[in-house]
């Protein structure tokens, strides 16, 4: 499929041929996208939640009263969860929330996410993203003219320094190199902006996987 290429000033810069295997999937599978997003969000959780367990509580473990004859329940420690100051039963502990997701599922989900943007008309291909000066105000004005209010920009192998500095303080604009491309950020953005270099890298990446 062909898609028009523009420059940052909005002028036309020719066309680019997109691979149907990567950008042309018509039947978008929501279950794949959900699996990937859940995996991605679980993997980035800190997992630092923690409560005191029985062996960490400083309250006494001495038996409080004799076993029989009190008419009350038989207790042997102030650390029990039913007492004020006791430990919490089955509370959270430090752990890794991440789990594994097959590489083929991840790759297929990424293709479906890219295709969903094409299908919705929310994929934009630009010639390149670079500015002479790192001026946030002028870049915000440029994005306003292009209608990019909530966009993910994949800039190529590396983000040009001035462009990255100018864009980093603009709300709802994310600029990433090719290596940062992911399903969650694609779906979260209203517009997906790819440079021609990014398109070539994405198609080469999937071509290598198919060849393998």
Protein backbone atom coordinates (compact mmCIF):
# COMPACT_ATOMS: atom_id res chain seq x y z
CA UNK A 1 0.00 0.00 0.00
CA UNK A 2 1.13 3.56 -0.67
CA UNK A 3 1.06 6.39 1.85
CA UNK A 4 1.90 10.03 1.34
CA UNK A 5 5.01 11.42 3.03
CA UNK A 6 5.06 14.93 4.44
CA UNK A 7 7.64 17.27 5.93
CA UNK A 8 7.35 18.96 9.30
CA UNK A 9 6.13 22.12 7.57
CA UNK A 10 3.22 20.14 6.10
CA UNK A 11 4.48 20.07 2.52
CA UNK A 12 4.39 16.87 0.47
CA UNK A 13 7.56 14.82 0.21
CA UNK A 14 6.53 11.98 -2.08
CA UNK A 15 5.14 8.55 -1.26
CA UNK A 16 6.27 5.48 0.61
CA UNK A 17 5.37 1.86 -0.01
CA UNK A 18 4.19 0.08 3.15
CA UNK A 19 4.35 -3.68 3.60
CA UNK A 20 0.89 -5.27 3.75
CA UNK A 21 2.25 -7.94 6.10
CA UNK A 22 3.12 -5.29 8.68
CA UNK A 23 0.76 -2.38 8.06
CA UNK A 24 -2.05 -3.98 6.04
CA UNK A 25 -3.79 -6.36 8.45
CA UNK A 26 -7.53 -5.70 8.13
CA UNK A 27 -8.90 -8.00 10.84
CA UNK A 28 -7.47 -6.43 14.02
CA UNK A 29 -7.41 -8.85 16.96
CA UNK A 30 -8.20 -7.08 20.20
CA UNK A 31 -7.27 -10.14 22.26
CA UNK A 32 -3.67 -9.96 21.04
CA UNK A 33 -3.44 -6.27 21.82
CA UNK A 34 -4.90 -6.85 25.30
CA UNK A 35 -2.43 -9.66 26.02
CA UNK A 36 0.50 -7.49 25.01
CA UNK A 37 -0.64 -4.43 26.99
CA UNK A 38 -1.30 -6.50 30.13
CA UNK A 39 2.14 -8.11 29.78
CA UNK A 40 3.84 -4.75 29.24
CA UNK A 41 2.14 -3.04 32.19
CA UNK A 42 2.75 -6.00 34.50
CA UNK A 43 6.44 -6.06 33.57
CA UNK A 44 6.97 -2.41 34.47
CA UNK A 45 5.33 -2.62 37.90
CA UNK A 46 7.80 -1.93 40.70
CA UNK A 47 6.57 -4.72 42.97
CA UNK A 48 8.00 -2.97 46.04
CA UNK A 49 4.82 -3.29 48.14
CA UNK A 50 5.57 -4.86 51.51
CA UNK A 51 4.01 -5.52 54.93
CA UNK A 52 5.48 -7.04 58.07
CA UNK A 53 5.22 -10.78 58.33
CA UNK A 54 5.07 -12.72 61.60
CA UNK A 55 8.83 -13.19 61.79
CA UNK A 56 9.48 -9.44 61.25
CA UNK A 57 7.08 -8.06 63.86
CA UNK A 58 8.70 -6.75 67.03
CA UNK A 59 5.80 -7.61 69.35
CA UNK A 60 6.36 -10.34 71.90
CA UNK A 61 5.96 -13.98 71.07
CA UNK A 62 5.52 -14.97 74.69
CA UNK A 63 2.32 -16.82 75.56
CA UNK A 64 -0.02 -14.19 76.95
CA UNK A 65 -1.92 -16.30 79.46
CA UNK A 66 -2.37 -19.89 80.46
CA UNK A 67 -3.81 -22.32 77.96
CA UNK A 68 -6.91 -23.30 79.90
CA UNK A 69 -9.31 -21.86 82.42
CA UNK A 70 -9.67 -18.27 81.12
CA UNK A 71 -12.84 -18.82 79.12
CA UNK A 72 -11.23 -17.11 76.13
CA UNK A 73 -9.60 -18.27 72.93
CA UNK A 74 -6.20 -19.88 73.23
CA UNK A 75 -3.49 -17.49 71.97
CA UNK A 76 0.24 -17.85 72.03
CA UNK A 77 1.56 -14.64 70.41
CA UNK A 78 0.85 -10.93 70.18
CA UNK A 79 2.05 -11.04 66.58
CA UNK A 80 -1.13 -12.73 65.38
CA UNK A 81 -3.08 -10.67 62.80
CA UNK A 82 -6.22 -10.39 64.94
CA UNK A 83 -4.41 -8.22 67.52
CA UNK A 84 -3.73 -4.48 67.20
CA UNK A 85 -0.10 -4.14 66.16
CA UNK A 86 -0.02 -7.69 64.87
CA UNK A 87 1.14 -8.80 61.44
CA UNK A 88 -1.08 -8.82 58.39
CA UNK A 89 -2.18 -12.24 57.16
CA UNK A 90 -1.19 -13.00 53.55
CA UNK A 91 -0.08 -9.41 52.89
CA UNK A 92 1.88 -8.25 49.84
CA UNK A 93 5.59 -8.95 49.68
CA UNK A 94 8.30 -7.69 47.32
CA UNK A 95 8.03 -9.63 44.07
CA UNK A 96 8.28 -9.38 40.32
CA UNK A 97 4.88 -9.03 38.63
CA UNK A 98 6.29 -9.82 35.18
CA UNK A 99 5.53 -12.98 33.28
CA UNK A 100 6.59 -14.39 29.94
CA UNK A 101 4.81 -13.80 26.64
CA UNK A 102 5.92 -15.69 23.50
CA UNK A 103 8.00 -13.66 21.06
CA UNK A 104 5.69 -14.57 18.18
CA UNK A 105 2.68 -13.25 20.08
CA UNK A 106 4.52 -10.00 20.84
CA UNK A 107 5.56 -9.57 17.21
CA UNK A 108 2.05 -10.29 15.93
CA UNK A 109 0.52 -7.86 18.43
CA UNK A 110 2.89 -5.11 17.25
CA UNK A 111 1.87 -5.71 13.63
CA UNK A 112 -1.81 -5.53 14.59
CA UNK A 113 -1.21 -2.29 16.51
CA UNK A 114 0.56 -0.70 13.52
CA UNK A 115 -2.17 -1.89 11.16
CA UNK A 116 -4.88 -0.53 13.44
CA UNK A 117 -3.42 2.96 13.08
CA UNK A 118 -3.34 2.63 9.29
CA UNK A 119 -6.92 1.35 9.26
CA UNK A 120 -8.08 4.28 11.39
CA UNK A 121 -6.19 6.80 9.25
CA UNK A 122 -4.00 7.80 12.18
CA UNK A 123 -0.59 6.86 10.73
CA UNK A 124 1.58 9.71 9.45
CA UNK A 125 4.90 9.26 7.67
CA UNK A 126 7.31 12.18 7.68
CA UNK A 127 10.52 12.64 5.76
CA UNK A 128 12.55 13.33 8.92
CA UNK A 129 12.19 15.00 12.29
CA UNK A 130 14.86 17.58 12.99
CA UNK A 131 14.90 21.25 13.90
CA UNK A 132 17.62 23.89 13.77
CA UNK A 133 17.00 25.18 17.28
CA UNK A 134 15.64 23.48 20.39
CA UNK A 135 12.65 25.82 20.73
CA UNK A 136 9.62 24.22 22.36
CA UNK A 137 7.24 27.07 21.48
CA UNK A 138 7.94 26.90 17.74
CA UNK A 139 7.70 23.10 17.68
CA UNK A 140 4.39 23.22 19.58
CA UNK A 141 3.10 25.64 16.95
CA UNK A 142 4.25 23.27 14.20
CA UNK A 143 2.47 20.34 15.82
CA UNK A 144 -0.67 22.46 16.21
CA UNK A 145 -0.75 23.19 12.48
CA UNK A 146 -0.33 19.48 11.73
CA UNK A 147 -3.03 18.53 14.24
CA UNK A 148 -0.71 16.46 16.44
CA UNK A 149 -2.12 17.02 19.91
CA UNK A 150 -1.53 13.51 21.28
CA UNK A 151 1.08 11.71 19.24
CA UNK A 152 3.80 9.09 19.39
CA UNK A 153 6.75 9.99 17.17
CA UNK A 154 9.22 7.27 16.19
CA UNK A 155 12.20 9.29 15.05
CA UNK A 156 14.53 6.63 13.60
CA UNK A 157 17.67 4.92 14.94
CA UNK A 158 18.29 7.92 17.24
CA UNK A 159 16.33 11.00 18.24
CA UNK A 160 17.89 14.18 16.87
CA UNK A 161 19.14 16.19 19.87
CA UNK A 162 17.44 19.52 19.19
CA UNK A 163 14.14 17.87 18.28
CA UNK A 164 14.19 15.73 21.42
CA UNK A 165 14.94 18.76 23.62
CA UNK A 166 12.21 20.85 22.00
CA UNK A 167 9.56 18.10 22.19
CA UNK A 168 10.17 16.79 25.69
CA UNK A 169 8.14 19.52 27.43
CA UNK A 170 5.13 19.34 25.10
CA UNK A 171 2.23 17.52 26.83
CA UNK A 172 0.98 14.28 25.25
CA UNK A 173 3.86 14.14 22.75
CA UNK A 174 6.22 11.17 23.08
CA UNK A 175 9.39 10.89 20.99
CA UNK A 176 11.16 7.53 20.88
CA UNK A 177 13.87 5.85 18.77
CA UNK A 178 13.08 2.70 16.79
CA UNK A 179 14.02 0.50 19.74
CA UNK A 180 11.30 2.10 21.90
CA UNK A 181 8.39 1.13 19.62
CA UNK A 182 5.74 -0.69 21.68
CA UNK A 183 2.06 -1.55 21.52
CA UNK A 184 0.95 0.33 24.64
CA UNK A 185 2.29 3.70 23.47
CA UNK A 186 0.94 3.14 19.95
CA UNK A 187 -2.59 2.51 21.21
CA UNK A 188 -2.41 5.34 23.74
CA UNK A 189 -1.59 7.96 21.10
CA UNK A 190 -4.13 9.52 18.74
CA UNK A 191 -1.51 9.80 15.99
CA UNK A 192 1.42 7.53 15.19
CA UNK A 193 4.16 9.43 13.39
CA UNK A 194 6.94 7.45 11.71
CA UNK A 195 9.93 8.75 9.85
CA UNK A 196 10.89 7.05 6.60
CA UNK A 197 13.91 5.59 8.39
CA UNK A 198 11.62 4.17 11.08
CA UNK A 199 9.35 2.55 8.46
CA UNK A 200 12.36 0.90 6.80
CA UNK A 201 13.66 -0.35 10.15
CA UNK A 202 10.27 -1.79 11.18
CA UNK A 203 9.83 -3.63 7.87
CA UNK A 204 13.43 -4.91 7.99
CA UNK A 205 12.85 -6.15 11.54
CA UNK A 206 9.84 -8.23 10.55
CA UNK A 207 11.50 -9.41 7.32
CA UNK A 208 14.38 -10.84 9.39
CA UNK A 209 11.93 -12.68 11.66
CA UNK A 210 10.09 -14.21 8.71
CA UNK A 211 13.38 -15.29 7.14
CA UNK A 212 14.45 -16.92 10.40
